[in-house]
Amino acid sequence: MSDTTAPSRLDELEIRIAHQDQTIEDLNDAITAQWKLIERLERQVLRLAERVADSEQSSGDAAPVNRPPPHY
């Protein structure tokens, strides 16, 4: 290996590592954003499930409404 190729190979490796570090950081940011979204959606699903359960309980207490089906 000559002296002229060693610095250029080292430069190429440093550039590659810098790009890989940036890619890793970008992927970490994307994963973090996805986890925040997942947590928010989980909270919404829990709230909706509670609302549905409350609605089912309150409709079970009410007298049934005798309406004709929508196709009449």
PDB file of N, CA and C in Angstrom:
ATOM      1  N   MET A   1       0.843  -1.165   0.000  1.00  0.00           N
ATOM      2  CA  MET A   1       0.000   0.000   0.000  1.00  0.00           C
ATOM      3  C   MET A   1       0.896   1.237   0.000  1.00  0.00           C
ATOM      4  N   SER A   2       0.625   2.142  -0.907  1.00  0.00           N
ATOM      5  CA  SER A   2       1.448   3.349  -0.976  1.00  0.00           C
ATOM      6  C   SER A   2       0.894   4.418  -0.050  1.00  0.00           C
ATOM      7  N   ASP A   3       1.727   5.434   0.190  1.00  0.00           N
ATOM      8  CA  ASP A   3       1.330   6.515   1.092  1.00  0.00           C
ATOM      9  C   ASP A   3       0.204   7.363   0.523  1.00  0.00           C
ATOM     10  N   THR A   4       0.051   7.401  -0.786  1.00  0.00           N
ATOM     11  CA  THR A   4      -0.991   8.244  -1.379  1.00  0.00           C
ATOM     12  C   THR A   4      -2.380   7.623  -1.256  1.00  0.00           C
ATOM     13  N   THR A   5      -2.463   6.325  -1.161  1.00  0.00           N
ATOM     14  CA  THR A   5      -3.781   5.691  -1.068  1.00  0.00           C
ATOM     15  C   THR A   5      -4.287   5.611   0.372  1.00  0.00           C
ATOM     16  N   ALA A   6      -3.408   5.567   1.329  1.00  0.00           N
ATOM     17  CA  ALA A   6      -3.828   5.443   2.724  1.00  0.00           C
ATOM     18  C   ALA A   6      -4.666   6.633   3.182  1.00  0.00           C
ATOM     19  N   PRO A   7      -4.254   7.862   2.949  1.00  0.00           N
ATOM     20  CA  PRO A   7      -5.096   8.993   3.381  1.00  0.00           C
ATOM     21  C   PRO A   7      -6.443   9.023   2.657  1.00  0.00           C
ATOM     22  N   SER A   8      -6.474   8.697   1.375  1.00  0.00           N
ATOM     23  CA  SER A   8      -7.748   8.737   0.661  1.00  0.00           C
ATOM     24  C   SER A   8      -8.681   7.645   1.167  1.00  0.00           C
ATOM     25  N   ARG A   9      -8.144   6.476   1.486  1.00  0.00           N
ATOM     26  CA  ARG A   9      -8.980   5.408   2.050  1.00  0.00           C
ATOM     27  C   ARG A   9      -9.507   5.821   3.413  1.00  0.00           C
ATOM     28  N   LEU A  10      -8.649   6.459   4.196  1.00  0.00           N
ATOM     29  CA  LEU A  10      -9.068   6.931   5.509  1.00  0.00           C
ATOM     30  C   LEU A  10     -10.160   7.992   5.364  1.00  0.00           C
ATOM     31  N   ASP A  11      -9.995   8.892   4.423  1.00  0.00           N
ATOM     32  CA  ASP A  11     -11.010   9.925   4.171  1.00  0.00           C
ATOM     33  C   ASP A  11     -12.338   9.283   3.756  1.00  0.00           C
ATOM     34  N   GLU A  12     -12.265   8.278   2.892  1.00  0.00           N
ATOM     35  CA  GLU A  12     -13.483   7.591   2.448  1.00  0.00           C
ATOM     36  C   GLU A  12     -14.180   6.909   3.614  1.00  0.00           C
ATOM     37  N   LEU A  13     -13.397   6.286   4.497  1.00  0.00           N
ATOM     38  CA  LEU A  13     -13.986   5.634   5.660  1.00  0.00           C
ATOM     39  C   LEU A  13     -14.619   6.647   6.611  1.00  0.00           C
ATOM     40  N   GLU A  14     -13.964   7.779   6.805  1.00  0.00           N
ATOM     41  CA  GLU A  14     -14.520   8.819   7.672  1.00  0.00           C
ATOM     42  C   GLU A  14     -15.812   9.377   7.082  1.00  0.00           C
ATOM     43  N   ILE A  15     -15.846   9.563   5.777  1.00  0.00           N
ATOM     44  CA  ILE A  15     -17.067  10.051   5.117  1.00  0.00           C
ATOM     45  C   ILE A  15     -18.189   9.031   5.258  1.00  0.00           C
ATOM     46  N   ARG A  16     -17.850   7.761   5.045  1.00  0.00           N
ATOM     47  CA  ARG A  16     -18.854   6.697   5.171  1.00  0.00           C
ATOM     48  C   ARG A  16     -19.410   6.648   6.592  1.00  0.00           C
ATOM     49  N   ILE A  17     -18.547   6.753   7.580  1.00  0.00           N
ATOM     50  CA  ILE A  17     -18.998   6.720   8.980  1.00  0.00           C
ATOM     51  C   ILE A  17     -19.890   7.921   9.277  1.00  0.00           C
ATOM     52  N   ALA A  18     -19.529   9.080   8.749  1.00  0.00           N
ATOM     53  CA  ALA A  18     -20.348  10.272   8.968  1.00  0.00           C
ATOM     54  C   ALA A  18     -21.745  10.080   8.374  1.00  0.00           C
ATOM     55  N   HIS A  19     -21.814   9.517   7.177  1.00  0.00           N
ATOM     56  CA  HIS A  19     -23.117   9.250   6.552  1.00  0.00           C
ATOM     57  C   HIS A  19     -23.907   8.218   7.348  1.00  0.00           C
ATOM     58  N   GLN A  20     -23.239   7.196   7.828  1.00  0.00           N
ATOM     59  CA  GLN A  20     -23.918   6.176   8.618  1.00  0.00           C
ATOM     60  C   GLN A  20     -24.426   6.747   9.933  1.00  0.00           C
ATOM     61  N   ASP A  21     -23.625   7.595  10.557  1.00  0.00           N
ATOM     62  CA  ASP A  21     -24.069   8.235  11.800  1.00  0.00           C
ATOM     63  C   ASP A  21     -25.315   9.076  11.545  1.00  0.00           C
ATOM     64  N   GLN A  22     -25.350   9.805  10.429  1.00  0.00           N
ATOM     65  CA  GLN A  22     -26.517  10.629  10.100  1.00  0.00           C
ATOM     66  C   GLN A  22     -27.732   9.755   9.827  1.00  0.00           C
ATOM     67  N   THR A  23     -27.516   8.643   9.139  1.00  0.00           N
ATOM     68  CA  THR A  23     -28.620   7.720   8.858  1.00  0.00           C
ATOM     69  C   THR A  23     -29.175   7.143  10.147  1.00  0.00           C
ATOM     70  N   ILE A  24     -28.297   6.749  11.047  1.00  0.00           N
ATOM     71  CA  ILE A  24     -28.736   6.208  12.342  1.00  0.00           C
ATOM     72  C   ILE A  24     -29.525   7.259  13.111  1.00  0.00           C
ATOM     73  N   GLU A  25     -29.073   8.492  13.111  1.00  0.00           N
ATOM     74  CA  GLU A  25     -29.782   9.566  13.804  1.00  0.00           C
ATOM     75  C   GLU A  25     -31.151   9.816  13.175  1.00  0.00           C
ATOM     76  N   ASP A  26     -31.213   9.808  11.843  1.00  0.00           N
ATOM     77  CA  ASP A  26     -32.494   9.996  11.147  1.00  0.00           C
ATOM     78  C   ASP A  26     -33.466   8.870  11.475  1.00  0.00           C
ATOM     79  N   LEU A  27     -32.971   7.632  11.492  1.00  0.00           N
ATOM     80  CA  LEU A  27     -33.822   6.494  11.820  1.00  0.00           C
ATOM     81  C   LEU A  27     -34.303   6.570  13.263  1.00  0.00           C
ATOM     82  N   ASN A  28     -33.436   6.979  14.160  1.00  0.00           N
ATOM     83  CA  ASN A  28     -33.826   7.134  15.560  1.00  0.00           C
ATOM     84  C   ASN A  28     -34.920   8.185  15.697  1.00  0.00           C
ATOM     85  N   ASP A  29     -34.781   9.300  14.984  1.00  0.00           N
ATOM     86  CA  ASP A  29     -35.810  10.343  15.017  1.00  0.00           C
ATOM     87  C   ASP A  29     -37.140   9.814  14.494  1.00  0.00           C
ATOM     88  N   ALA A  30     -37.093   9.039  13.421  1.00  0.00           N
ATOM     89  CA  ALA A  30     -38.318   8.479  12.843  1.00  0.00           C
ATOM     90  C   ALA A  30     -38.980   7.513  13.832  1.00  0.00           C
ATOM     91  N   ILE A  31     -38.197   6.678  14.467  1.00  0.00           N
ATOM     92  CA  ILE A  31     -38.747   5.717  15.430  1.00  0.00           C
ATOM     93  C   ILE A  31     -39.339   6.445  16.628  1.00  0.00           C
ATOM     94  N   THR A  32     -38.662   7.473  17.099  1.00  0.00           N
ATOM     95  CA  THR A  32     -39.172   8.246  18.225  1.00  0.00           C
ATOM     96  C   THR A  32     -40.515   8.883  17.874  1.00  0.00           C
ATOM     97  N   ALA A  33     -40.608   9.463  16.680  1.00  0.00           N
ATOM     98  CA  ALA A  33     -41.869  10.068  16.245  1.00  0.00           C
ATOM     99  C   ALA A  33     -42.967   9.019  16.127  1.00  0.00           C
ATOM    100  N   GLN A  34     -42.644   7.845  15.627  1.00  0.00           N
ATOM    101  CA  GLN A  34     -43.632   6.781  15.504  1.00  0.00           C
ATOM    102  C   GLN A  34     -44.115   6.322  16.874  1.00  0.00           C
ATOM    103  N   TRP A  35     -43.217   6.201  17.846  1.00  0.00           N
ATOM    104  CA  TRP A  35     -43.630   5.785  19.186  1.00  0.00           C
ATOM    105  C   TRP A  35     -44.545   6.822  19.819  1.00  0.00           C
ATOM    106  N   LYS A  36     -44.251   8.105  19.601  1.00  0.00           N
ATOM    107  CA  LYS A  36     -45.130   9.150  20.137  1.00  0.00           C
ATOM    108  C   LYS A  36     -46.518   9.036  19.515  1.00  0.00           C
ATOM    109  N   LEU A  37     -46.564   8.797  18.205  1.00  0.00           N
ATOM    110  CA  LEU A  37     -47.843   8.635  17.525  1.00  0.00           C
ATOM    111  C   LEU A  37     -48.578   7.400  18.031  1.00  0.00           C
ATOM    112  N   ILE A  38     -47.876   6.298  18.204  1.00  0.00           N
ATOM    113  CA  ILE A  38     -48.490   5.069  18.705  1.00  0.00           C
ATOM    114  C   ILE A  38     -49.059   5.289  20.105  1.00  0.00           C
ATOM    115  N   GLU A  39     -48.315   5.957  20.965  1.00  0.00           N
ATOM    116  CA  GLU A  39     -48.800   6.215  22.317  1.00  0.00           C
ATOM    117  C   GLU A  39     -50.048   7.086  22.288  1.00  0.00           C
ATOM    118  N   ARG A  40     -50.061   8.103  21.424  1.00  0.00           N
ATOM    119  CA  ARG A  40     -51.229   8.974  21.309  1.00  0.00           C
ATOM    120  C   ARG A  40     -52.437   8.190  20.800  1.00  0.00           C
ATOM    121  N   LEU A  41     -52.219   7.346  19.799  1.00  0.00           N
ATOM    122  CA  LEU A  41     -53.312   6.539  19.258  1.00  0.00           C
ATOM    123  C   LEU A  41     -53.830   5.531  20.276  1.00  0.00           C
ATOM    124  N   GLU A  42     -52.930   4.955  21.074  1.00  0.00           N
ATOM    125  CA  GLU A  42     -53.361   4.033  22.127  1.00  0.00           C
ATOM    126  C   GLU A  42     -54.257   4.744  23.135  1.00  0.00           C
ATOM    127  N   ARG A  43     -53.895   5.968  23.499  1.00  0.00           N
ATOM    128  CA  ARG A  43     -54.728   6.735  24.431  1.00  0.00           C
ATOM    129  C   ARG A  43     -56.104   7.013  23.820  1.00  0.00           C
ATOM    130  N   GLN A  44     -56.126   7.355  22.527  1.00  0.00           N
ATOM    131  CA  GLN A  44     -57.405   7.604  21.859  1.00  0.00           C
ATOM    132  C   GLN A  44     -58.268   6.343  21.812  1.00  0.00           C
ATOM    133  N   VAL A  45     -57.651   5.216  21.526  1.00  0.00           N
ATOM    134  CA  VAL A  45     -58.397   3.955  21.482  1.00  0.00           C
ATOM    135  C   VAL A  45     -58.981   3.640  22.857  1.00  0.00           C
ATOM    136  N   LEU A  46     -58.203   3.849  23.901  1.00  0.00           N
ATOM    137  CA  LEU A  46     -58.709   3.605  25.262  1.00  0.00           C
ATOM    138  C   LEU A  46     -59.896   4.514  25.578  1.00  0.00           C
ATOM    139  N   ARG A  47     -59.780   5.793  25.206  1.00  0.00           N
ATOM    140  CA  ARG A  47     -60.890   6.720  25.448  1.00  0.00           C
ATOM    141  C   ARG A  47     -62.137   6.303  24.663  1.00  0.00           C
ATOM    142  N   LEU A  48     -61.941   5.903  23.416  1.00  0.00           N
ATOM    143  CA  LEU A  48     -63.076   5.468  22.611  1.00  0.00           C
ATOM    144  C   LEU A  48     -63.705   4.195  23.167  1.00  0.00           C
ATOM    145  N   ALA A  49     -62.882   3.270  23.640  1.00  0.00           N
ATOM    146  CA  ALA A  49     -63.399   2.043  24.233  1.00  0.00           C
ATOM    147  C   ALA A  49     -64.221   2.367  25.482  1.00  0.00           C
ATOM    148  N   GLU A  50     -63.753   3.319  26.272  1.00  0.00           N
ATOM    149  CA  GLU A  50     -64.500   3.728  27.460  1.00  0.00           C
ATOM    150  C   GLU A  50     -65.834   4.358  27.066  1.00  0.00           C
ATOM    151  N   ARG A  51     -65.813   5.190  26.022  1.00  0.00           N
ATOM    152  CA  ARG A  51     -67.048   5.822  25.561  1.00  0.00           C
ATOM    153  C   ARG A  51     -68.037   4.782  25.047  1.00  0.00           C
ATOM    154  N   VAL A  52     -67.541   3.795  24.317  1.00  0.00           N
ATOM    155  CA  VAL A  52     -68.419   2.741  23.805  1.00  0.00           C
ATOM    156  C   VAL A  52     -69.006   1.948  24.964  1.00  0.00           C
ATOM    157  N   ALA A  53     -68.179   1.614  25.934  1.00  0.00           N
ATOM    158  CA  ALA A  53     -68.671   0.866  27.094  1.00  0.00           C
ATOM    159  C   ALA A  53     -69.718   1.675  27.847  1.00  0.00           C
ATOM    160  N   ASP A  54     -69.467   2.964  28.041  1.00  0.00           N
ATOM    161  CA  ASP A  54     -70.438   3.827  28.715  1.00  0.00           C
ATOM    162  C   ASP A  54     -71.730   3.913  27.913  1.00  0.00           C
ATOM    163  N   SER A  55     -71.597   4.025  26.623  1.00  0.00           N
ATOM    164  CA  SER A  55     -72.766   4.112  25.752  1.00  0.00           C
ATOM    165  C   SER A  55     -73.586   2.830  25.802  1.00  0.00           C
ATOM    166  N   GLU A  56     -72.903   1.686  25.806  1.00  0.00           N
ATOM    167  CA  GLU A  56     -73.609   0.405  25.883  1.00  0.00           C
ATOM    168  C   GLU A  56     -74.328   0.254  27.212  1.00  0.00           C
ATOM    169  N   GLN A  57     -73.701   0.716  28.287  1.00  0.00           N
ATOM    170  CA  GLN A  57     -74.338   0.631  29.600  1.00  0.00           C
ATOM    171  C   GLN A  57     -75.558   1.533  29.662  1.00  0.00           C
ATOM    172  N   SER A  58     -75.434   2.745  29.149  1.00  0.00           N
ATOM    173  CA  SER A  58     -76.562   3.676  29.227  1.00  0.00           C
ATOM    174  C   SER A  58     -77.685   3.263  28.284  1.00  0.00           C
ATOM    175  N   SER A  59     -77.366   2.648  27.151  1.00  0.00           N
ATOM    176  CA  SER A  59     -78.429   2.202  26.242  1.00  0.00           C
ATOM    177  C   SER A  59     -79.113   0.957  26.784  1.00  0.00           C
ATOM    178  N   GLY A  60     -78.417   0.174  27.583  1.00  0.00           N
ATOM    179  CA  GLY A  60     -79.026  -0.999  28.204  1.00  0.00           C
ATOM    180  C   GLY A  60     -80.045  -0.611  29.257  1.00  0.00           C
ATOM    181  N   ASP A  61     -79.868   0.550  29.870  1.00  0.00           N
ATOM    182  CA  ASP A  61     -80.788   1.035  30.894  1.00  0.00           C
ATOM    183  C   ASP A  61     -82.028   1.677  30.290  1.00  0.00           C
ATOM    184  N   ALA A  62     -81.926   2.201  29.103  1.00  0.00           N
ATOM    185  CA  ALA A  62     -83.038   2.912  28.472  1.00  0.00           C
ATOM    186  C   ALA A  62     -84.018   1.912  27.865  1.00  0.00           C
ATOM    187  N   ALA A  63     -85.252   2.376  27.728  1.00  0.00           N
ATOM    188  CA  ALA A  63     -86.271   1.531  27.100  1.00  0.00           C
ATOM    189  C   ALA A  63     -85.992   1.441  25.606  1.00  0.00           C
ATOM    190  N   PRO A  64     -86.200   0.276  25.018  1.00  0.00           N
ATOM    191  CA  PRO A  64     -85.943   0.134  23.588  1.00  0.00           C
ATOM    192  C   PRO A  64     -86.910   0.998  22.776  1.00  0.00           C
ATOM    193  N   VAL A  65     -86.415   1.560  21.704  1.00  0.00           N
ATOM    194  CA  VAL A  65     -87.215   2.408  20.834  1.00  0.00           C
ATOM    195  C   VAL A  65     -87.745   1.532  19.710  1.00  0.00           C
ATOM    196  N   ASN A  66     -89.079   1.558  19.509  1.00  0.00           N
ATOM    197  CA  ASN A  66     -89.682   0.779  18.433  1.00  0.00           C
ATOM    198  C   ASN A  66     -89.794   1.639  17.187  1.00  0.00           C
ATOM    199  N   ARG A  67     -88.786   1.550  16.359  1.00  0.00           N
ATOM    200  CA  ARG A  67     -88.784   2.267  15.091  1.00  0.00           C
ATOM    201  C   ARG A  67     -88.727   1.230  13.977  1.00  0.00           C
ATOM    202  N   PRO A  68     -89.324   1.541  12.850  1.00  0.00           N
ATOM    203  CA  PRO A  68     -89.202   0.610  11.724  1.00  0.00           C
ATOM    204  C   PRO A  68     -87.780   0.616  11.185  1.00  0.00           C
ATOM    205  N   PRO A  69     -87.369  -0.482  10.602  1.00  0.00           N
ATOM    206  CA  PRO A  69     -86.025  -0.520  10.027  1.00  0.00           C
ATOM    207  C   PRO A  69     -85.873   0.540   8.931  1.00  0.00           C
ATOM    208  N   PRO A  70     -84.653   0.905   8.596  1.00  0.00           N
ATOM    209  CA  PRO A  70     -84.425   1.998   7.644  1.00  0.00           C
ATOM    210  C   PRO A  70     -84.995   1.736   6.244  1.00  0.00           C
ATOM    211  N   HIS A  71     -85.217   0.494   5.863  1.00  0.00           N
ATOM    212  CA  HIS A  71     -85.683   0.225   4.499  1.00  0.00           C
ATOM    213  C   HIS A  71     -87.181   0.447   4.321  1.00  0.00           C
ATOM    214  N   TYR A  72     -87.946   0.778   5.385  1.00  0.00           N
ATOM    215  CA  TYR A  72     -89.381   1.048   5.255  1.00  0.00           C
ATOM    216  C   TYR A  72     -89.624   2.462   4.874  1.00  0.00           C
TER     217      TYR A  72
END
